[in-house]
């Protein structure tokens, strides 16, 4: 037993019915679908069922069963209709995006495919689940979107947890992504081993005295004496022969497995909160301004180091 779809796909003057796989009837106009897709244009040129032949007609209209479920059918039909009758639906769910992409290619709906391209690289989706977006983009052979989503996967650890869309890509695709990630991690390692980019930016130790908890008598090159009980780092590269504060040195650790400028910026926010919660009044008073400046510097250096790394994948 079929049911009727919601507006605008319930119009009494529609001239054909598309029936979804879950039994929902969409009363639509051939003209809109024909203009949107050459597939439908060809389909509607075929002989249509005559009235009164079982489920092949309904209310005097031909019924064409399709493989898509009602949710997918509703979405891509809205793209086919004029905007005055149906607004373009938002493509936020990656599961929906995958289904719509399949329908778009099946029915030769180029407009929807372009919309899917945009949805795959939507900043909100990329931030939440870049690996899933990468799998969808790669499976669809979207070159720009595959490269963009691959770059965003640098925000995640090298070895990903299982996700459903992993079945959309081949072992070679996954290996290429992991190799890209590893090369980016290697590319940022010199930033931790050689801090010349830090000393070059600040000029003198007095320009970044917030990085140090213990200062020689008289201060740093004439700078003020810092009274701070925060722990110094051990084993981390020194700046002007002085060990920096431990909480600052720890900002580098996550970048070894997630070589992304965005991670540098987001970790700065976490560091600011940790320092303020630590109870050190000296560091708490100045950590926000200084860490925000430094995180932007670090992010630019990370992005510069990884910019030349290519995703080695055929398209």
C-alpha atoms as a PDB file:
ATOM      1  CA  UNK A   1       0.000   0.000   0.000  1.00  0.00           C
ATOM      2  CA  UNK A   2       1.572   3.265  -1.091  1.00  0.00           C
ATOM      3  CA  UNK A   3       1.298   6.632   0.630  1.00  0.00           C
ATOM      4  CA  UNK A   4       1.460  10.140  -0.811  1.00  0.00           C
ATOM      5  CA  UNK A   5       4.538  12.349  -0.457  1.00  0.00           C
ATOM      6  CA  UNK A   6       4.431  15.752   1.155  1.00  0.00           C
ATOM      7  CA  UNK A   7       4.163  19.081  -0.675  1.00  0.00           C
ATOM      8  CA  UNK A   8       5.110  20.008  -3.349  1.00  0.00           C
ATOM      9  CA  UNK A   9       5.045  16.395  -4.518  1.00  0.00           C
ATOM     10  CA  UNK A  10       1.306  15.924  -3.939  1.00  0.00           C
ATOM     11  CA  UNK A  11       0.041  18.288  -6.616  1.00  0.00           C
ATOM     12  CA  UNK A  12      -3.328  17.216  -8.083  1.00  0.00           C
ATOM     13  CA  UNK A  13      -2.311  18.387 -11.565  1.00  0.00           C
ATOM     14  CA  UNK A  14       0.949  16.409 -11.682  1.00  0.00           C
ATOM     15  CA  UNK A  15       1.340  14.266 -14.792  1.00  0.00           C
ATOM     16  CA  UNK A  16       3.402  11.320 -13.474  1.00  0.00           C
ATOM     17  CA  UNK A  17       4.110   9.451 -10.233  1.00  0.00           C
ATOM     18  CA  UNK A  18       7.499   8.252  -9.007  1.00  0.00           C
ATOM     19  CA  UNK A  19       7.136   5.544  -6.367  1.00  0.00           C
ATOM     20  CA  UNK A  20      10.028   5.177  -3.894  1.00  0.00           C
ATOM     21  CA  UNK A  21      11.377   1.830  -2.724  1.00  0.00           C
ATOM     22  CA  UNK A  22       9.533   2.250   0.588  1.00  0.00           C
ATOM     23  CA  UNK A  23       6.177   2.859  -1.095  1.00  0.00           C
ATOM     24  CA  UNK A  24       5.820   6.650  -1.132  1.00  0.00           C
ATOM     25  CA  UNK A  25       4.235   8.191  -4.247  1.00  0.00           C
ATOM     26  CA  UNK A  26       5.671  11.456  -5.529  1.00  0.00           C
ATOM     27  CA  UNK A  27       3.289  13.257  -7.883  1.00  0.00           C
ATOM     28  CA  UNK A  28       5.610  15.283 -10.101  1.00  0.00           C
ATOM     29  CA  UNK A  29       5.682  17.232 -13.343  1.00  0.00           C
ATOM     30  CA  UNK A  30       7.575  15.716 -16.240  1.00  0.00           C
ATOM     31  CA  UNK A  31       8.647  19.132 -17.488  1.00  0.00           C
ATOM     32  CA  UNK A  32      10.680  19.968 -14.358  1.00  0.00           C
ATOM     33  CA  UNK A  33      12.446  16.605 -14.353  1.00  0.00           C
ATOM     34  CA  UNK A  34      13.085  16.677 -18.094  1.00  0.00           C
ATOM     35  CA  UNK A  35      14.707  20.100 -17.872  1.00  0.00           C
ATOM     36  CA  UNK A  36      16.861  18.964 -14.947  1.00  0.00           C
ATOM     37  CA  UNK A  37      18.019  15.626 -16.298  1.00  0.00           C
ATOM     38  CA  UNK A  38      18.549  14.031 -19.719  1.00  0.00           C
ATOM     39  CA  UNK A  39      17.900  10.685 -18.023  1.00  0.00           C
ATOM     40  CA  UNK A  40      14.321  11.661 -17.236  1.00  0.00           C
ATOM     41  CA  UNK A  41      13.910  13.157 -20.697  1.00  0.00           C
ATOM     42  CA  UNK A  42      14.743   9.776 -22.215  1.00  0.00           C
ATOM     43  CA  UNK A  43      12.636   7.904 -19.674  1.00  0.00           C
ATOM     44  CA  UNK A  44       9.513   9.919 -20.386  1.00  0.00           C
ATOM     45  CA  UNK A  45       9.871   9.348 -24.114  1.00  0.00           C
ATOM     46  CA  UNK A  46       9.322   5.627 -23.547  1.00  0.00           C
ATOM     47  CA  UNK A  47       5.777   4.203 -23.827  1.00  0.00           C
ATOM     48  CA  UNK A  48       3.866   4.708 -20.560  1.00  0.00           C
ATOM     49  CA  UNK A  49       1.454   2.179 -18.955  1.00  0.00           C
ATOM     50  CA  UNK A  50      -2.200   2.482 -19.828  1.00  0.00           C
ATOM     51  CA  UNK A  51      -4.840   3.223 -17.225  1.00  0.00           C
ATOM     52  CA  UNK A  52      -6.123   0.278 -15.207  1.00  0.00           C
ATOM     53  CA  UNK A  53      -3.128  -2.049 -15.299  1.00  0.00           C
ATOM     54  CA  UNK A  54      -2.519  -3.051 -11.653  1.00  0.00           C
ATOM     55  CA  UNK A  55       0.016  -0.811  -9.912  1.00  0.00           C
ATOM     56  CA  UNK A  56       1.327   0.653 -13.151  1.00  0.00           C
ATOM     57  CA  UNK A  57      -1.105   3.545 -12.880  1.00  0.00           C
ATOM     58  CA  UNK A  58      -2.764   5.493 -10.075  1.00  0.00           C
ATOM     59  CA  UNK A  59      -5.434   8.157 -10.327  1.00  0.00           C
ATOM     60  CA  UNK A  60      -5.015   7.976 -14.073  1.00  0.00           C
ATOM     61  CA  UNK A  61      -1.278   8.698 -13.925  1.00  0.00           C
ATOM     62  CA  UNK A  62       1.593   6.372 -14.891  1.00  0.00           C
ATOM     63  CA  UNK A  63       3.533   5.048 -11.861  1.00  0.00           C
ATOM     64  CA  UNK A  64       7.285   4.555 -12.227  1.00  0.00           C
ATOM     65  CA  UNK A  65       8.948   2.579  -9.412  1.00  0.00           C
ATOM     66  CA  UNK A  66      12.479   3.739  -8.507  1.00  0.00           C
ATOM     67  CA  UNK A  67      15.146   2.176  -6.304  1.00  0.00           C
ATOM     68  CA  UNK A  68      15.672   5.213  -4.054  1.00  0.00           C
ATOM     69  CA  UNK A  69      13.907   5.483  -0.702  1.00  0.00           C
ATOM     70  CA  UNK A  70      11.526   8.350  -0.005  1.00  0.00           C
ATOM     71  CA  UNK A  71      14.084  10.469   1.863  1.00  0.00           C
ATOM     72  CA  UNK A  72      16.595  10.342  -0.981  1.00  0.00           C
ATOM     73  CA  UNK A  73      13.899  10.825  -3.616  1.00  0.00           C
ATOM     74  CA  UNK A  74      12.462  13.841  -1.809  1.00  0.00           C
ATOM     75  CA  UNK A  75      15.888  15.470  -1.595  1.00  0.00           C
ATOM     76  CA  UNK A  76      16.945  15.160  -5.192  1.00  0.00           C
ATOM     77  CA  UNK A  77      13.493  16.038  -6.536  1.00  0.00           C
ATOM     78  CA  UNK A  78      13.681  19.310  -4.620  1.00  0.00           C
ATOM     79  CA  UNK A  79      16.862  20.111  -6.512  1.00  0.00           C
ATOM     80  CA  UNK A  80      15.001  19.449  -9.778  1.00  0.00           C
ATOM     81  CA  UNK A  81      12.078  21.749  -8.966  1.00  0.00           C
ATOM     82  CA  UNK A  82      12.137  25.561  -9.362  1.00  0.00           C
ATOM     83  CA  UNK A  83      13.170  27.341  -6.173  1.00  0.00           C
ATOM     84  CA  UNK A  84       9.773  29.063  -6.020  1.00  0.00           C
ATOM     85  CA  UNK A  85       8.185  25.657  -5.465  1.00  0.00           C
ATOM     86  CA  UNK A  86      10.831  23.848  -3.444  1.00  0.00           C
ATOM     87  CA  UNK A  87      13.909  25.242  -1.713  1.00  0.00           C
ATOM     88  CA  UNK A  88      17.172  23.383  -2.188  1.00  0.00           C
ATOM     89  CA  UNK A  89      17.569  21.011   0.769  1.00  0.00           C
ATOM     90  CA  UNK A  90      20.627  21.227   2.993  1.00  0.00           C
ATOM     91  CA  UNK A  91      23.106  18.377   2.688  1.00  0.00           C
ATOM     92  CA  UNK A  92      24.511  18.007   6.192  1.00  0.00           C
ATOM     93  CA  UNK A  93      24.331  14.276   6.891  1.00  0.00           C
ATOM     94  CA  UNK A  94      27.182  12.366   5.269  1.00  0.00           C
ATOM     95  CA  UNK A  95      24.934   9.333   4.946  1.00  0.00           C
ATOM     96  CA  UNK A  96      22.437  11.438   3.007  1.00  0.00           C
ATOM     97  CA  UNK A  97      25.207  12.951   0.887  1.00  0.00           C
ATOM     98  CA  UNK A  98      26.367   9.518  -0.192  1.00  0.00           C
ATOM     99  CA  UNK A  99      22.839   8.453  -1.142  1.00  0.00           C
ATOM    100  CA  UNK A 100      22.135  11.692  -3.021  1.00  0.00           C
ATOM    101  CA  UNK A 101      25.419  11.448  -4.906  1.00  0.00           C
ATOM    102  CA  UNK A 102      24.485   7.961  -6.079  1.00  0.00           C
ATOM    103  CA  UNK A 103      21.104   9.205  -7.283  1.00  0.00           C
ATOM    104  CA  UNK A 104      22.626  12.267  -8.941  1.00  0.00           C
ATOM    105  CA  UNK A 105      24.962  10.145 -11.016  1.00  0.00           C
ATOM    106  CA  UNK A 106      22.312   7.584 -11.825  1.00  0.00           C
ATOM    107  CA  UNK A 107      19.909  10.215 -13.123  1.00  0.00           C
ATOM    108  CA  UNK A 108      22.586  12.476 -14.667  1.00  0.00           C
ATOM    109  CA  UNK A 109      21.796  15.387 -12.370  1.00  0.00           C
ATOM    110  CA  UNK A 110      24.960  17.467 -12.699  1.00  0.00           C
ATOM    111  CA  UNK A 111      23.604  20.270 -10.527  1.00  0.00           C
ATOM    112  CA  UNK A 112      23.175  17.952  -7.559  1.00  0.00           C
ATOM    113  CA  UNK A 113      26.659  16.542  -8.060  1.00  0.00           C
ATOM    114  CA  UNK A 114      28.054  20.067  -7.794  1.00  0.00           C
ATOM    115  CA  UNK A 115      25.998  20.620  -4.646  1.00  0.00           C
ATOM    116  CA  UNK A 116      27.427  17.413  -3.187  1.00  0.00           C
ATOM    117  CA  UNK A 117      30.936  18.655  -3.961  1.00  0.00           C
ATOM    118  CA  UNK A 118      30.206  21.754  -1.901  1.00  0.00           C
ATOM    119  CA  UNK A 119      28.705  19.734   0.941  1.00  0.00           C
ATOM    120  CA  UNK A 120      31.722  17.413   1.181  1.00  0.00           C
ATOM    121  CA  UNK A 121      34.044  20.361   1.881  1.00  0.00           C
ATOM    122  CA  UNK A 122      31.626  22.219   4.135  1.00  0.00           C
ATOM    123  CA  UNK A 123      33.774  23.596   7.008  1.00  0.00           C
ATOM    124  CA  UNK A 124      31.435  22.257   9.676  1.00  0.00           C
ATOM    125  CA  UNK A 125      31.487  18.736   8.231  1.00  0.00           C
ATOM    126  CA  UNK A 126      35.242  18.832   7.657  1.00  0.00           C
ATOM    127  CA  UNK A 127      35.923  19.814  11.238  1.00  0.00           C
ATOM    128  CA  UNK A 128      33.737  17.051  12.638  1.00  0.00           C
ATOM    129  CA  UNK A 129      34.499  14.066  10.399  1.00  0.00           C
ATOM    130  CA  UNK A 130      37.190  14.703   7.773  1.00  0.00           C
ATOM    131  CA  UNK A 131      37.920  10.998   7.243  1.00  0.00           C
ATOM    132  CA  UNK A 132      34.337  10.234   6.264  1.00  0.00           C
ATOM    133  CA  UNK A 133      34.325  13.221   3.910  1.00  0.00           C
ATOM    134  CA  UNK A 134      37.590  12.041   2.389  1.00  0.00           C
ATOM    135  CA  UNK A 135      36.186   8.570   1.695  1.00  0.00           C
ATOM    136  CA  UNK A 136      33.103   9.998  -0.019  1.00  0.00           C
ATOM    137  CA  UNK A 137      35.142  12.475  -2.080  1.00  0.00           C
ATOM    138  CA  UNK A 138      37.668   9.839  -3.123  1.00  0.00           C
ATOM    139  CA  UNK A 139      34.980   7.307  -4.016  1.00  0.00           C
ATOM    140  CA  UNK A 140      33.328   9.958  -6.193  1.00  0.00           C
ATOM    141  CA  UNK A 141      36.701  10.867  -7.766  1.00  0.00           C
ATOM    142  CA  UNK A 142      36.325  14.520  -6.826  1.00  0.00           C
ATOM    143  CA  UNK A 143      39.942  15.670  -7.157  1.00  0.00           C
ATOM    144  CA  UNK A 144      39.781  19.056  -5.429  1.00  0.00           C
ATOM    145  CA  UNK A 145      37.524  17.754  -2.672  1.00  0.00           C
ATOM    146  CA  UNK A 146      39.705  14.671  -2.094  1.00  0.00           C
ATOM    147  CA  UNK A 147      42.821  16.816  -1.673  1.00  0.00           C
ATOM    148  CA  UNK A 148      41.007  19.277   0.587  1.00  0.00           C
ATOM    149  CA  UNK A 149      39.542  16.587   2.830  1.00  0.00           C
ATOM    150  CA  UNK A 150      42.889  14.760   2.968  1.00  0.00           C
ATOM    151  CA  UNK A 151      44.482  17.925   4.322  1.00  0.00           C
ATOM    152  CA  UNK A 152      41.828  18.157   6.989  1.00  0.00           C
ATOM    153  CA  UNK A 153      42.498  14.560   8.086  1.00  0.00           C
ATOM    154  CA  UNK A 154      45.825  15.857   9.417  1.00  0.00           C
ATOM    155  CA  UNK A 155      43.790  17.015  12.399  1.00  0.00           C
ATOM    156  CA  UNK A 156      43.295  13.369  13.314  1.00  0.00           C
ATOM    157  CA  UNK A 157      45.870  10.771  14.470  1.00  0.00           C
ATOM    158  CA  UNK A 158      47.746   8.798  11.825  1.00  0.00           C
ATOM    159  CA  UNK A 159      45.931   5.531  12.488  1.00  0.00           C
ATOM    160  CA  UNK A 160      42.186   6.195  12.230  1.00  0.00           C
ATOM    161  CA  UNK A 161      39.438   4.333  14.046  1.00  0.00           C
ATOM    162  CA  UNK A 162      36.989   2.391  11.925  1.00  0.00           C
ATOM    163  CA  UNK A 163      34.280   4.372  10.139  1.00  0.00           C
ATOM    164  CA  UNK A 164      31.534   3.081   7.859  1.00  0.00           C
ATOM    165  CA  UNK A 165      32.662   4.937   4.740  1.00  0.00           C
ATOM    166  CA  UNK A 166      36.080   3.258   4.836  1.00  0.00           C
ATOM    167  CA  UNK A 167      34.491   0.565   2.689  1.00  0.00           C
ATOM    168  CA  UNK A 168      34.095   3.145  -0.086  1.00  0.00           C
ATOM    169  CA  UNK A 169      37.853   3.384  -0.644  1.00  0.00           C
ATOM    170  CA  UNK A 170      40.479   0.834  -1.598  1.00  0.00           C
ATOM    171  CA  UNK A 171      43.470  -0.305   0.413  1.00  0.00           C
ATOM    172  CA  UNK A 172      45.635   1.731  -1.973  1.00  0.00           C
ATOM    173  CA  UNK A 173      43.580   4.850  -1.235  1.00  0.00           C
ATOM    174  CA  UNK A 174      43.993   4.366   2.507  1.00  0.00           C
ATOM    175  CA  UNK A 175      47.721   3.691   2.129  1.00  0.00           C
ATOM    176  CA  UNK A 176      48.119   6.880   0.091  1.00  0.00           C
ATOM    177  CA  UNK A 177      46.322   8.864   2.795  1.00  0.00           C
ATOM    178  CA  UNK A 178      48.418   7.361   5.607  1.00  0.00           C
ATOM    179  CA  UNK A 179      51.606   7.987   3.624  1.00  0.00           C
ATOM    180  CA  UNK A 180      50.584  11.603   3.100  1.00  0.00           C
ATOM    181  CA  UNK A 181      49.899  11.982   6.823  1.00  0.00           C
ATOM    182  CA  UNK A 182      53.257  10.436   7.750  1.00  0.00           C
ATOM    183  CA  UNK A 183      55.157  12.675   5.336  1.00  0.00           C
ATOM    184  CA  UNK A 184      53.476  15.742   6.831  1.00  0.00           C
ATOM    185  CA  UNK A 185      54.442  14.587  10.331  1.00  0.00           C
ATOM    186  CA  UNK A 186      58.046  14.211   9.209  1.00  0.00           C
ATOM    187  CA  UNK A 187      57.931  17.632   7.547  1.00  0.00           C
ATOM    188  CA  UNK A 188      57.094  19.410  10.818  1.00  0.00           C
ATOM    189  CA  UNK A 189      59.732  17.628  12.926  1.00  0.00           C
ATOM    190  CA  UNK A 190      62.431  20.248  12.180  1.00  0.00           C
ATOM    191  CA  UNK A 191      60.203  22.857  13.824  1.00  0.00           C
ATOM    192  CA  UNK A 192      60.687  21.084  17.141  1.00  0.00           C
ATOM    193  CA  UNK A 193      64.405  20.400  16.688  1.00  0.00           C
ATOM    194  CA  UNK A 194      65.367  23.883  15.585  1.00  0.00           C
ATOM    195  CA  UNK A 195      63.612  26.848  17.175  1.00  0.00           C
ATOM    196  CA  UNK A 196      65.296  29.525  15.085  1.00  0.00           C
ATOM    197  CA  UNK A 197      61.882  30.521  13.766  1.00  0.00           C
ATOM    198  CA  UNK A 198      60.878  31.341  17.365  1.00  0.00           C
ATOM    199  CA  UNK A 199      63.982  33.360  18.202  1.00  0.00           C
ATOM    200  CA  UNK A 200      63.790  35.110  14.836  1.00  0.00           C
ATOM    201  CA  UNK A 201      60.196  36.163  15.497  1.00  0.00           C
ATOM    202  CA  UNK A 202      60.752  37.486  19.027  1.00  0.00           C
ATOM    203  CA  UNK A 203      64.248  38.904  18.439  1.00  0.00           C
ATOM    204  CA  UNK A 204      65.467  38.631  22.027  1.00  0.00           C
ATOM    205  CA  UNK A 205      64.516  36.639  25.074  1.00  0.00           C
ATOM    206  CA  UNK A 206      63.079  39.816  26.506  1.00  0.00           C
ATOM    207  CA  UNK A 207      60.541  39.782  23.705  1.00  0.00           C
ATOM    208  CA  UNK A 208      59.098  36.507  24.957  1.00  0.00           C
ATOM    209  CA  UNK A 209      59.912  36.418  28.671  1.00  0.00           C
ATOM    210  CA  UNK A 210      56.515  34.802  29.249  1.00  0.00           C
ATOM    211  CA  UNK A 211      58.097  31.547  28.056  1.00  0.00           C
ATOM    212  CA  UNK A 212      60.376  31.285  31.068  1.00  0.00           C
ATOM    213  CA  UNK A 213      59.681  30.547  34.709  1.00  0.00           C
ATOM    214  CA  UNK A 214      63.244  30.979  35.996  1.00  0.00           C
ATOM    215  CA  UNK A 215      65.251  34.057  35.059  1.00  0.00           C
ATOM    216  CA  UNK A 216      68.874  34.921  35.883  1.00  0.00           C
ATOM    217  CA  UNK A 217      69.392  37.686  38.397  1.00  0.00           C
ATOM    218  CA  UNK A 218      68.789  40.972  36.627  1.00  0.00           C
ATOM    219  CA  UNK A 219      66.316  39.512  34.191  1.00  0.00           C
ATOM    220  CA  UNK A 220      66.691  38.529  30.553  1.00  0.00           C
ATOM    221  CA  UNK A 221      68.911  41.036  28.788  1.00  0.00           C
ATOM    222  CA  UNK A 222      67.567  43.818  30.914  1.00  0.00           C
ATOM    223  CA  UNK A 223      64.020  42.457  31.028  1.00  0.00           C
ATOM    224  CA  UNK A 224      62.032  42.205  34.269  1.00  0.00           C
ATOM    225  CA  UNK A 225      62.644  39.431  36.768  1.00  0.00           C
ATOM    226  CA  UNK A 226      59.863  36.850  36.519  1.00  0.00           C
ATOM    227  CA  UNK A 227      58.457  35.317  39.665  1.00  0.00           C
ATOM    228  CA  UNK A 228      56.769  32.141  38.498  1.00  0.00           C
ATOM    229  CA  UNK A 229      56.500  28.687  40.013  1.00  0.00           C
ATOM    230  CA  UNK A 230      55.553  26.894  36.793  1.00  0.00           C
ATOM    231  CA  UNK A 231      57.689  23.867  35.980  1.00  0.00           C
ATOM    232  CA  UNK A 232      60.465  24.178  33.449  1.00  0.00           C
ATOM    233  CA  UNK A 233      60.626  21.691  30.599  1.00  0.00           C
ATOM    234  CA  UNK A 234      63.390  19.121  30.562  1.00  0.00           C
ATOM    235  CA  UNK A 235      64.720  17.611  27.369  1.00  0.00           C
ATOM    236  CA  UNK A 236      63.107  20.273  25.207  1.00  0.00           C
ATOM    237  CA  UNK A 237      65.169  22.580  23.049  1.00  0.00           C
ATOM    238  CA  UNK A 238      66.375  25.649  24.960  1.00  0.00           C
ATOM    239  CA  UNK A 239      65.812  29.237  23.910  1.00  0.00           C
ATOM    240  CA  UNK A 240      68.748  31.554  24.557  1.00  0.00           C
ATOM    241  CA  UNK A 241      70.179  28.727  26.719  1.00  0.00           C
ATOM    242  CA  UNK A 242      67.155  28.829  29.002  1.00  0.00           C
ATOM    243  CA  UNK A 243      64.583  26.036  29.346  1.00  0.00           C
ATOM    244  CA  UNK A 244      61.071  27.228  28.521  1.00  0.00           C
ATOM    245  CA  UNK A 245      58.000  26.630  30.643  1.00  0.00           C
ATOM    246  CA  UNK A 246      56.689  23.067  30.487  1.00  0.00           C
ATOM    247  CA  UNK A 247      53.110  23.980  29.555  1.00  0.00           C
ATOM    248  CA  UNK A 248      54.417  25.847  26.507  1.00  0.00           C
ATOM    249  CA  UNK A 249      56.683  22.994  25.435  1.00  0.00           C
ATOM    250  CA  UNK A 250      53.749  20.575  25.627  1.00  0.00           C
ATOM    251  CA  UNK A 251      51.914  22.484  22.900  1.00  0.00           C
ATOM    252  CA  UNK A 252      54.233  20.807  20.391  1.00  0.00           C
ATOM    253  CA  UNK A 253      53.483  17.220  21.419  1.00  0.00           C
ATOM    254  CA  UNK A 254      50.127  16.789  19.683  1.00  0.00           C
ATOM    255  CA  UNK A 255      51.481  18.171  16.413  1.00  0.00           C
ATOM    256  CA  UNK A 256      53.771  15.174  16.047  1.00  0.00           C
ATOM    257  CA  UNK A 257      50.767  12.991  15.256  1.00  0.00           C
ATOM    258  CA  UNK A 258      48.399  15.682  13.999  1.00  0.00           C
ATOM    259  CA  UNK A 259      50.532  18.036  11.858  1.00  0.00           C
ATOM    260  CA  UNK A 260      47.874  20.658  11.279  1.00  0.00           C
ATOM    261  CA  UNK A 261      47.917  24.413  11.747  1.00  0.00           C
ATOM    262  CA  UNK A 262      44.330  24.219  12.958  1.00  0.00           C
ATOM    263  CA  UNK A 263      45.443  21.890  15.757  1.00  0.00           C
ATOM    264  CA  UNK A 264      48.096  24.423  16.780  1.00  0.00           C
ATOM    265  CA  UNK A 265      45.408  27.074  17.141  1.00  0.00           C
ATOM    266  CA  UNK A 266      42.880  24.874  18.932  1.00  0.00           C
ATOM    267  CA  UNK A 267      45.478  23.540  21.361  1.00  0.00           C
ATOM    268  CA  UNK A 268      46.388  27.102  22.261  1.00  0.00           C
ATOM    269  CA  UNK A 269      42.861  27.622  23.576  1.00  0.00           C
ATOM    270  CA  UNK A 270      43.175  24.504  25.714  1.00  0.00           C
ATOM    271  CA  UNK A 271      46.572  25.638  26.999  1.00  0.00           C
ATOM    272  CA  UNK A 272      45.184  29.025  27.978  1.00  0.00           C
ATOM    273  CA  UNK A 273      42.470  27.347  30.031  1.00  0.00           C
ATOM    274  CA  UNK A 274      44.896  24.934  31.690  1.00  0.00           C
ATOM    275  CA  UNK A 275      47.247  27.731  32.692  1.00  0.00           C
ATOM    276  CA  UNK A 276      44.397  29.761  34.158  1.00  0.00           C
ATOM    277  CA  UNK A 277      43.266  26.726  36.110  1.00  0.00           C
ATOM    278  CA  UNK A 278      46.792  26.081  37.408  1.00  0.00           C
ATOM    279  CA  UNK A 279      46.691  28.951  39.870  1.00  0.00           C
ATOM    280  CA  UNK A 280      49.800  30.747  38.568  1.00  0.00           C
ATOM    281  CA  UNK A 281      48.811  34.410  38.683  1.00  0.00           C
ATOM    282  CA  UNK A 282      51.873  35.509  36.699  1.00  0.00           C
ATOM    283  CA  UNK A 283      51.205  33.218  33.737  1.00  0.00           C
ATOM    284  CA  UNK A 284      47.421  33.538  33.913  1.00  0.00           C
ATOM    285  CA  UNK A 285      47.617  37.288  33.476  1.00  0.00           C
ATOM    286  CA  UNK A 286      49.500  37.125  30.197  1.00  0.00           C
ATOM    287  CA  UNK A 287      48.896  33.685  28.687  1.00  0.00           C
ATOM    288  CA  UNK A 288      45.931  34.544  26.453  1.00  0.00           C
ATOM    289  CA  UNK A 289      47.486  37.328  24.396  1.00  0.00           C
ATOM    290  CA  UNK A 290      50.876  35.631  24.139  1.00  0.00           C
ATOM    291  CA  UNK A 291      49.600  32.136  23.330  1.00  0.00           C
ATOM    292  CA  UNK A 292      47.223  33.425  20.677  1.00  0.00           C
ATOM    293  CA  UNK A 293      50.104  35.242  18.988  1.00  0.00           C
ATOM    294  CA  UNK A 294      52.370  32.225  19.263  1.00  0.00           C
ATOM    295  CA  UNK A 295      49.748  29.730  18.074  1.00  0.00           C
ATOM    296  CA  UNK A 296      49.223  31.765  14.901  1.00  0.00           C
ATOM    297  CA  UNK A 297      52.985  31.801  14.367  1.00  0.00           C
ATOM    298  CA  UNK A 298      53.206  28.060  14.955  1.00  0.00           C
ATOM    299  CA  UNK A 299      50.226  27.352  12.703  1.00  0.00           C
ATOM    300  CA  UNK A 300      51.803  29.310   9.845  1.00  0.00           C
ATOM    301  CA  UNK A 301      55.072  27.421  10.260  1.00  0.00           C
ATOM    302  CA  UNK A 302      53.270  24.064  10.269  1.00  0.00           C
ATOM    303  CA  UNK A 303      51.279  24.976   7.176  1.00  0.00           C
ATOM    304  CA  UNK A 304      54.436  26.196   5.450  1.00  0.00           C
ATOM    305  CA  UNK A 305      56.255  22.959   6.279  1.00  0.00           C
ATOM    306  CA  UNK A 306      53.464  20.728   4.958  1.00  0.00           C
ATOM    307  CA  UNK A 307      52.397  22.821   1.947  1.00  0.00           C
ATOM    308  CA  UNK A 308      54.762  21.057  -0.442  1.00  0.00           C
ATOM    309  CA  UNK A 309      53.636  17.549   0.574  1.00  0.00           C
ATOM    310  CA  UNK A 310      51.436  16.038  -2.142  1.00  0.00           C
ATOM    311  CA  UNK A 311      48.728  13.424  -1.872  1.00  0.00           C
ATOM    312  CA  UNK A 312      50.017  10.775  -4.265  1.00  0.00           C
ATOM    313  CA  UNK A 313      46.822   9.514  -5.803  1.00  0.00           C
ATOM    314  CA  UNK A 314      45.564   9.111  -9.361  1.00  0.00           C
ATOM    315  CA  UNK A 315      42.330  10.761 -10.463  1.00  0.00           C
END
